[in-house]
N, C-alpha and C. Protein backbone atom coordinates (compact mmCIF):
# COMPACT_ATOMS: atom_id res chain seq x y z
N MET A 1 0.99 -0.71 0.25
CA MET A 1 0.19 -0.04 0.19
C MET A 1 0.66 1.10 -0.17
N ASN A 2 1.61 1.32 0.93
CA ASN A 2 2.88 2.17 1.09
C ASN A 2 3.26 2.81 -0.22
N LYS A 3 3.71 1.58 -1.72
CA LYS A 3 4.29 2.17 -3.30
C LYS A 3 3.06 2.72 -3.52
N ARG A 4 1.82 2.40 -3.17
CA ARG A 4 0.73 2.78 -4.53
C ARG A 4 0.06 4.34 -3.69
N ALA A 5 0.04 4.32 -2.51
CA ALA A 5 0.16 5.64 -1.63
C ALA A 5 1.27 6.37 -2.76
N LYS A 6 2.50 6.36 -2.94
CA LYS A 6 3.37 7.47 -3.26
C LYS A 6 2.93 7.51 -5.24
N PHE A 7 2.91 6.39 -5.27
CA PHE A 7 2.52 6.64 -6.92
C PHE A 7 1.59 7.36 -7.35
N LEU A 8 0.49 6.94 -6.56
CA LEU A 8 -1.13 7.86 -6.92
C LEU A 8 -0.38 9.48 -6.26
N ALA A 9 0.50 9.66 -5.16
CA ALA A 9 0.98 11.08 -5.09
C ALA A 9 1.62 11.66 -5.85
N GLY A 10 2.95 10.88 -6.43
CA GLY A 10 3.22 11.32 -7.63
C GLY A 10 2.58 11.64 -8.63
N GLY A 11 2.00 11.16 -9.55
CA GLY A 11 0.66 10.81 -10.62
C GLY A 11 0.21 11.96 -10.40
N ALA A 12 -0.73 12.59 -8.97
CA ALA A 12 -1.79 13.84 -8.73
C ALA A 12 -0.73 14.99 -8.77
N LEU A 13 0.95 14.67 -8.46
CA LEU A 13 2.04 16.44 -8.72
C LEU A 13 2.08 16.19 -9.89
N ILE A 14 2.61 15.81 -11.09
CA ILE A 14 2.67 15.86 -12.26
C ILE A 14 1.39 16.09 -13.24
N ALA A 15 0.45 15.21 -12.57
CA ALA A 15 -1.05 16.02 -13.18
C ALA A 15 -1.47 17.31 -12.98
N ALA A 16 -0.96 18.02 -11.65
CA ALA A 16 -1.43 19.46 -11.23
C ALA A 16 -0.04 19.95 -11.98
N ALA A 17 0.86 19.71 -11.93
CA ALA A 17 1.95 20.69 -12.56
C ALA A 17 1.78 20.63 -14.00
N LEU A 18 1.62 19.75 -14.49
CA LEU A 18 1.12 20.05 -15.94
C LEU A 18 -0.41 20.79 -16.42
N ALA A 19 -0.91 21.06 -15.48
CA ALA A 19 -2.55 21.45 -15.83
C ALA A 19 -2.04 22.76 -15.34
N TYR A 20 -1.67 23.38 -14.64
CA TYR A 20 -0.94 24.92 -14.13
C TYR A 20 0.23 24.76 -15.18
N MET A 21 0.85 24.79 -15.96
CA MET A 21 1.40 24.65 -17.16
C MET A 21 0.80 24.96 -18.68
N ILE A 22 -0.39 24.45 -18.42
CA ILE A 22 -1.20 24.58 -19.54
C ILE A 22 -2.14 26.10 -19.39
N TYR A 23 -2.48 26.23 -18.42
CA TYR A 23 -3.40 27.21 -17.62
C TYR A 23 -2.26 28.85 -17.84
N ALA A 24 -1.22 28.80 -17.46
CA ALA A 24 -0.33 29.82 -17.51
C ALA A 24 0.07 29.64 -18.85
N GLY A 25 0.14 28.64 -19.94
CA GLY A 25 0.53 29.11 -21.51
C GLY A 25 -0.46 29.69 -21.94
N VAL A 26 -2.04 29.42 -21.89
CA VAL A 26 -2.65 30.03 -22.26
C VAL A 26 -2.90 31.24 -21.93
N THR A 27 -2.90 31.48 -20.94
CA THR A 27 -3.13 32.99 -20.40
C THR A 27 -2.59 33.79 -20.87
N GLN A 28 -0.95 33.49 -20.30
CA GLN A 28 -0.01 34.54 -20.84
C GLN A 28 -0.07 34.94 -22.35
N SER A 29 -0.71 33.81 -23.27
CA SER A 29 -0.14 33.85 -24.68
C SER A 29 -1.73 34.22 -24.83
N ALA A 30 -2.72 34.95 -24.97
CA ALA A 30 -4.10 35.30 -24.76
C ALA A 30 -3.80 36.63 -25.45
N VAL A 31 -4.29 36.89 -26.74
CA VAL A 31 -4.04 38.31 -27.15
C VAL A 31 -5.64 39.11 -27.68
N TYR A 32 -6.45 40.12 -26.99
CA TYR A 32 -7.34 40.12 -27.17
C TYR A 32 -8.00 41.45 -27.98
N PHE A 33 -9.21 40.99 -28.82
CA PHE A 33 -9.66 41.85 -29.61
C PHE A 33 -9.96 43.31 -29.62
N VAL A 34 -9.33 44.52 -29.38
CA VAL A 34 -10.23 45.46 -29.27
C VAL A 34 -10.22 46.55 -30.50
N THR A 35 -11.40 47.73 -30.14
CA THR A 35 -11.62 48.62 -31.09
C THR A 35 -10.87 50.25 -30.37
N PRO A 36 -11.03 50.73 -30.83
CA PRO A 36 -10.20 52.08 -30.42
C PRO A 36 -10.74 53.16 -29.45
N SER A 37 -11.95 52.83 -29.08
CA SER A 37 -13.05 53.16 -28.31
C SER A 37 -12.84 52.66 -26.91
N GLU A 38 -12.36 51.12 -27.16
CA GLU A 38 -12.45 50.00 -26.53
C GLU A 38 -11.14 50.31 -25.47
N ILE A 39 -10.27 50.44 -26.55
CA ILE A 39 -8.54 50.76 -25.41
C ILE A 39 -8.92 51.86 -25.10
N GLN A 40 -8.83 52.59 -25.72
CA GLN A 40 -9.42 54.45 -25.00
C GLN A 40 -9.97 54.87 -23.74
N ALA A 41 -11.26 53.89 -23.26
CA ALA A 41 -11.79 53.53 -22.02
C ALA A 41 -10.78 53.16 -21.15
N GLY A 42 -10.01 52.07 -20.62
CA GLY A 42 -9.27 51.45 -19.99
C GLY A 42 -8.31 50.51 -20.46
N PRO A 43 -7.08 50.99 -21.05
CA PRO A 43 -6.18 50.53 -21.42
C PRO A 43 -5.07 50.03 -20.41
N VAL A 44 -4.41 48.81 -20.87
CA VAL A 44 -3.98 48.50 -20.02
C VAL A 44 -2.36 48.41 -20.29
N SER A 45 -1.27 49.08 -19.38
CA SER A 45 0.07 49.13 -20.30
C SER A 45 0.66 47.86 -19.74
N GLY A 46 1.27 47.08 -20.99
CA GLY A 46 2.14 46.28 -21.44
C GLY A 46 1.27 44.93 -21.58
N LYS A 47 0.07 44.74 -21.54
CA LYS A 47 -0.83 43.67 -21.99
C LYS A 47 -1.01 43.61 -23.78
N ALA A 48 -0.72 42.24 -23.91
CA ALA A 48 -1.16 42.56 -25.48
C ALA A 48 -2.60 42.30 -26.31
N TYR A 49 -2.78 43.05 -26.92
CA TYR A 49 -3.81 43.23 -27.96
C TYR A 49 -3.40 43.23 -29.18
N ARG A 50 -5.17 43.00 -29.71
CA ARG A 50 -5.23 43.22 -31.11
C ARG A 50 -5.73 44.49 -31.05
N LEU A 51 -5.77 45.58 -31.69
CA LEU A 51 -6.52 46.51 -32.17
C LEU A 51 -7.21 46.93 -33.60
N GLY A 52 -8.39 46.82 -34.18
CA GLY A 52 -8.30 46.73 -35.11
C GLY A 52 -9.53 48.56 -35.57
N GLY A 53 -9.20 48.62 -37.24
CA GLY A 53 -10.09 50.21 -37.26
C GLY A 53 -9.10 50.53 -38.39
N LEU A 54 -9.77 52.00 -39.00
CA LEU A 54 -9.15 52.39 -39.96
C LEU A 54 -8.49 53.07 -39.82
N VAL A 55 -7.23 53.25 -40.97
CA VAL A 55 -6.56 53.93 -40.91
C VAL A 55 -6.38 55.63 -41.50
N ALA A 56 -6.29 55.88 -40.51
CA ALA A 56 -7.03 57.91 -40.44
C ALA A 56 -6.43 58.01 -41.94
N ARG A 57 -7.19 59.32 -42.60
CA ARG A 57 -6.56 59.75 -44.11
C ARG A 57 -5.27 61.17 -43.21
N GLY A 58 -4.33 60.81 -43.66
CA GLY A 58 -3.50 61.95 -43.76
C GLY A 58 -2.76 61.96 -42.19
N SER A 59 -2.57 60.48 -42.21
CA SER A 59 -2.21 59.88 -40.45
C SER A 59 -0.73 59.12 -40.73
N VAL A 60 -0.41 58.64 -42.09
CA VAL A 60 0.48 57.99 -42.06
C VAL A 60 1.47 58.37 -42.41
N LYS A 61 2.98 57.61 -41.61
CA LYS A 61 3.81 59.35 -41.82
C LYS A 61 5.34 58.09 -41.64
N TRP A 62 6.03 58.23 -42.61
CA TRP A 62 6.93 57.10 -42.47
C TRP A 62 8.16 57.41 -42.93
N GLU A 63 9.41 56.80 -42.26
CA GLU A 63 10.72 57.32 -42.21
C GLU A 63 11.57 56.18 -42.79
N PRO A 64 11.56 56.12 -43.77
CA PRO A 64 12.87 55.01 -44.77
C PRO A 64 14.33 54.64 -43.74
N ARG A 65 14.74 55.62 -43.40
CA ARG A 65 15.52 55.65 -42.57
C ARG A 65 16.20 54.93 -41.14
N THR A 66 15.06 55.27 -41.22
CA THR A 66 15.09 54.34 -39.72
C THR A 66 14.25 53.00 -39.55
N LEU A 67 12.95 53.19 -40.91
CA LEU A 67 12.32 52.18 -40.66
C LEU A 67 10.81 52.43 -39.93
N ASP A 68 10.77 53.70 -39.10
CA ASP A 68 9.37 54.40 -38.42
C ASP A 68 8.26 54.60 -38.72
N LEU A 69 7.46 53.89 -38.85
CA LEU A 69 6.04 53.88 -39.38
C LEU A 69 5.22 54.85 -38.12
N THR A 70 4.55 55.66 -38.38
CA THR A 70 3.25 56.15 -37.28
C THR A 70 2.05 56.50 -38.26
N PHE A 71 0.69 55.44 -37.30
CA PHE A 71 -0.49 56.14 -38.12
C PHE A 71 -1.51 56.48 -36.97
N THR A 72 -2.73 56.30 -37.31
CA THR A 72 -3.75 56.78 -36.30
C THR A 72 -4.77 55.78 -37.03
N LEU A 73 -4.85 54.61 -35.86
CA LEU A 73 -6.41 54.05 -36.01
C LEU A 73 -7.56 54.70 -35.73
N THR A 74 -8.52 54.56 -36.40
CA THR A 74 -10.09 54.76 -35.81
C THR A 74 -11.04 53.89 -36.03
N ASP A 75 -12.11 54.10 -35.25
CA ASP A 75 -13.69 53.51 -35.56
C ASP A 75 -14.44 54.54 -35.64
N GLY A 76 -14.22 56.04 -35.56
CA GLY A 76 -15.03 56.61 -36.31
C GLY A 76 -15.65 57.14 -34.70
N LYS A 77 -15.05 57.11 -33.25
CA LYS A 77 -15.26 57.48 -32.23
C LYS A 77 -14.18 57.94 -31.33
N ALA A 78 -13.38 57.38 -31.70
CA ALA A 78 -12.29 57.49 -30.60
C ALA A 78 -10.96 56.87 -32.02
N SER A 79 -9.94 57.98 -31.59
CA SER A 79 -8.67 57.68 -32.37
C SER A 79 -7.28 57.00 -31.42
N VAL A 80 -6.66 55.93 -31.87
CA VAL A 80 -5.44 55.66 -31.39
C VAL A 80 -4.27 55.74 -32.34
N PRO A 81 -3.33 56.53 -31.40
CA PRO A 81 -2.09 56.97 -32.44
C PRO A 81 -1.50 55.53 -32.24
N VAL A 82 -0.63 54.86 -33.40
CA VAL A 82 -0.23 53.35 -33.71
C VAL A 82 2.07 53.95 -33.82
N ARG A 83 2.75 53.74 -33.06
CA ARG A 83 3.94 53.34 -33.94
C ARG A 83 4.30 51.69 -34.04
N HIS A 84 4.78 51.76 -35.35
CA HIS A 84 5.47 50.39 -35.64
C HIS A 84 7.00 50.39 -36.23
N LYS A 85 8.09 49.92 -35.72
CA LYS A 85 8.99 49.23 -36.65
C LYS A 85 9.19 48.67 -37.73
N GLY A 86 9.77 48.72 -38.61
CA GLY A 86 9.42 48.10 -40.02
C GLY A 86 8.68 48.85 -41.09
N THR A 87 8.47 47.60 -42.29
CA THR A 87 7.95 47.83 -42.79
C THR A 87 6.10 47.52 -43.15
N ALA A 88 5.03 48.44 -43.47
CA ALA A 88 4.00 47.79 -43.66
C ALA A 88 3.75 46.93 -44.82
N PRO A 89 2.25 45.84 -44.85
CA PRO A 89 2.19 44.91 -45.94
C PRO A 89 1.31 45.93 -47.11
N ASP A 90 2.01 45.27 -48.07
CA ASP A 90 1.59 45.89 -49.49
C ASP A 90 0.00 46.51 -49.37
N LEU A 91 -1.10 46.40 -48.91
CA LEU A 91 -2.60 46.54 -48.83
C LEU A 91 -2.31 47.49 -47.85
N PHE A 92 -1.43 48.45 -47.05
CA PHE A 92 -1.78 48.80 -45.98
C PHE A 92 -2.29 49.92 -46.43
N GLY A 93 -3.38 50.98 -46.11
CA GLY A 93 -3.28 52.49 -46.89
C GLY A 93 -3.77 53.24 -46.18
N GLU A 94 -4.15 54.27 -46.16
CA GLU A 94 -4.65 55.80 -45.49
C GLU A 94 -6.19 55.13 -46.22
N GLY A 95 -7.47 55.23 -45.06
CA GLY A 95 -8.65 55.02 -45.54
C GLY A 95 -9.29 53.63 -45.63
N ARG A 96 -7.81 52.38 -45.04
CA ARG A 96 -8.41 50.97 -45.39
C ARG A 96 -8.31 50.85 -43.96
N GLY A 97 -8.73 49.32 -43.84
CA GLY A 97 -8.74 48.45 -42.96
C GLY A 97 -7.61 48.44 -42.13
N ALA A 98 -7.14 48.09 -41.20
CA ALA A 98 -6.01 47.41 -40.43
C ALA A 98 -6.26 46.40 -38.94
N VAL A 99 -5.22 46.00 -38.69
CA VAL A 99 -5.47 45.23 -37.76
C VAL A 99 -3.73 44.96 -36.50
N VAL A 100 -3.27 45.67 -35.78
CA VAL A 100 -2.24 45.49 -35.19
C VAL A 100 -1.97 44.80 -34.50
N GLU A 101 -1.07 44.33 -34.03
CA GLU A 101 -0.62 43.47 -33.08
C GLU A 101 0.27 44.25 -32.15
N GLY A 102 -0.13 43.91 -30.52
CA GLY A 102 1.23 44.54 -29.70
C GLY A 102 0.61 45.34 -28.51
N ARG A 103 1.18 46.54 -27.83
CA ARG A 103 1.14 46.81 -26.68
C ARG A 103 0.76 48.05 -25.84
N TRP A 104 0.01 48.53 -25.36
CA TRP A 104 -0.47 49.87 -25.09
C TRP A 104 1.29 50.41 -24.41
N SER A 105 1.61 51.17 -24.76
CA SER A 105 2.56 51.96 -23.60
C SER A 105 2.12 53.00 -23.00
N PRO A 106 2.96 53.15 -21.60
CA PRO A 106 1.79 53.98 -20.96
C PRO A 106 2.20 55.99 -21.22
N GLU A 107 2.95 55.98 -22.62
CA GLU A 107 2.90 57.64 -22.74
C GLU A 107 2.06 57.82 -23.48
N GLY A 108 0.71 56.74 -23.98
CA GLY A 108 0.12 57.26 -24.79
C GLY A 108 0.05 56.47 -25.95
N TYR A 109 0.71 55.98 -26.76
CA TYR A 109 0.40 55.14 -28.03
C TYR A 109 0.35 53.70 -28.26
N PHE A 110 0.08 53.01 -29.17
CA PHE A 110 0.41 51.75 -29.20
C PHE A 110 1.15 51.79 -30.34
N THR A 111 2.23 50.67 -29.34
CA THR A 111 3.48 49.38 -29.99
C THR A 111 3.23 48.67 -30.89
N ALA A 112 2.81 48.91 -31.74
CA ALA A 112 2.76 47.07 -32.98
C ALA A 112 3.46 46.98 -33.41
N THR A 113 3.80 45.53 -33.03
CA THR A 113 4.60 44.29 -33.59
C THR A 113 4.34 43.78 -34.72
N LEU A 114 3.30 43.46 -35.29
CA LEU A 114 2.75 43.18 -36.48
C LEU A 114 1.55 43.88 -36.96
N ILE A 115 1.66 44.28 -38.22
CA ILE A 115 0.66 44.79 -38.99
C ILE A 115 -0.26 43.95 -39.82
N LEU A 116 -2.11 43.70 -39.73
CA LEU A 116 -2.06 42.49 -40.89
C LEU A 116 -3.65 43.74 -41.17
N ALA A 117 -2.85 44.22 -42.66
CA ALA A 117 -4.01 44.54 -43.74
C ALA A 117 -4.98 44.04 -43.79
N LYS A 118 -6.05 44.91 -43.66
CA LYS A 118 -7.44 43.65 -44.14
C LYS A 118 -7.87 44.13 -45.66
N HIS A 119 -8.08 43.32 -46.67
CA HIS A 119 -8.81 44.14 -47.89
C HIS A 119 -10.17 43.29 -47.28
N SER A 120 -11.11 44.30 -49.22
CA SER A 120 -12.42 43.94 -49.56
C SER A 120 -12.30 42.49 -49.60
N GLU A 121 -13.70 42.43 -48.62
CA GLU A 121 -14.32 40.62 -49.20
C GLU A 121 -15.05 40.34 -50.18
N GLU A 122 -15.34 41.75 -51.18
CA GLU A 122 -15.89 41.44 -51.89
C GLU A 122 -14.57 41.36 -53.61
N TYR A 123 -14.33 40.73 -54.38
CA TYR A 123 -13.90 40.43 -55.53
C TYR A 123 -14.72 40.41 -56.18
N ARG A 124 -13.76 41.43 -57.36
CA ARG A 124 -14.10 41.94 -58.45
C ARG A 124 -13.59 41.57 -59.74
N ALA A 125 -13.85 40.78 -60.61
CA ALA A 125 -13.17 40.46 -61.72
C ALA A 125 -12.56 42.01 -63.10
N PRO A 126 -11.53 41.97 -63.34
CA PRO A 126 -11.69 42.89 -64.72
C PRO A 126 -12.78 42.73 -65.48
N HIS A 127 -12.54 43.35 -65.80
CA HIS A 127 -13.98 43.73 -67.35
C HIS A 127 -13.05 43.92 -68.35
N ASP A 128 -13.79 43.62 -69.84
CA ASP A 128 -13.45 43.73 -70.97
C ASP A 128 -12.89 45.33 -71.09
N GLY A 129 -13.69 45.93 -70.81
CA GLY A 129 -13.96 47.25 -70.67
C GLY A 129 -12.76 48.35 -70.17
N GLU A 130 -12.08 47.37 -69.39
CA GLU A 130 -11.48 48.15 -68.27
C GLU A 130 -9.81 47.88 -69.24
N THR A 131 -9.18 49.38 -69.12
CA THR A 131 -8.24 49.41 -69.04
C THR A 131 -7.37 48.41 -68.21
N GLY A 132 -7.25 48.06 -66.56
CA GLY A 132 -6.20 47.39 -66.01
C GLY A 132 -6.41 46.01 -66.64
N TYR A 133 -7.42 45.59 -66.85
CA TYR A 133 -7.33 44.13 -67.61
C TYR A 133 -6.87 44.13 -69.04
N ARG A 134 -6.59 45.14 -70.06
CA ARG A 134 -5.92 45.04 -71.09
C ARG A 134 -4.38 45.06 -71.16
N GLU A 135 -4.59 45.67 -70.19
CA GLU A 135 -3.01 46.00 -69.48
C GLU A 135 -2.42 44.67 -68.67
N LEU A 136 -3.38 44.31 -67.77
CA LEU A 136 -3.11 42.86 -67.24
C LEU A 136 -2.47 41.67 -68.14
N MET A 137 -3.14 42.04 -70.02
CA MET A 137 -3.23 40.53 -70.67
C MET A 137 -1.70 40.98 -71.20
N LYS A 138 -1.73 42.34 -71.31
CA LYS A 138 -0.65 42.76 -72.34
C LYS A 138 0.54 41.83 -71.53
N SER A 139 0.31 42.27 -70.35
CA SER A 139 1.68 41.54 -69.32
C SER A 139 1.88 40.36 -69.40
N LEU A 140 0.99 39.77 -70.03
CA LEU A 140 0.65 38.56 -69.68
C LEU A 140 1.32 37.42 -71.04
N GLY A 141 1.11 38.54 -72.13
CA GLY A 141 1.17 38.26 -73.48
C GLY A 141 0.48 37.64 -74.40
N LYS A 142 -0.89 37.93 -73.87
CA LYS A 142 -2.38 37.29 -74.67
C LYS A 142 -3.20 38.28 -75.48
N LYS A 143 -3.67 37.71 -76.03
CA LYS A 143 -4.54 39.24 -76.73
C LYS A 143 -5.78 39.24 -76.31
N THR A 144 -5.97 40.45 -75.84
CA THR A 144 -7.28 40.79 -75.29
C THR A 144 -8.74 41.00 -76.02
N GLY A 145 -8.90 40.73 -77.58
CA GLY A 145 -10.10 40.58 -78.22
C GLY A 145 -10.20 41.50 -78.44
N SER A 146 -9.68 42.50 -78.90
CA SER A 146 -10.52 44.10 -79.06
C SER A 146 -9.38 44.82 -80.24
């Protein structure tokens, strides 16, 4: 009985340690999605967030020598200044949707480590009458039929 009790106690200890490691891993890696209004209402410095909104027109500033990118995300009610070190994705631009991942700084801006540009959910194929379609076909070496 003594060996069995030790075996059960050891198994319970290992199970508890494993459960704690899983719990700690999940809670520390959780990233919450918020809007500019929500983060302005009660930001927590150092906590990981995904912040989504529209890139405000006239707010994008890019310094190619230092790779500093600054812009403002808005949801129409509130605006949040964002700073990022690096380049933005190709679809990123003013007036377009974006989701940034990072942390709120005590200085009052969002420090982004990742920028995800959102694109339209509506696909529109080029039409025969559009010059863009003709130029695409020329670049591919195909005849457009006109």
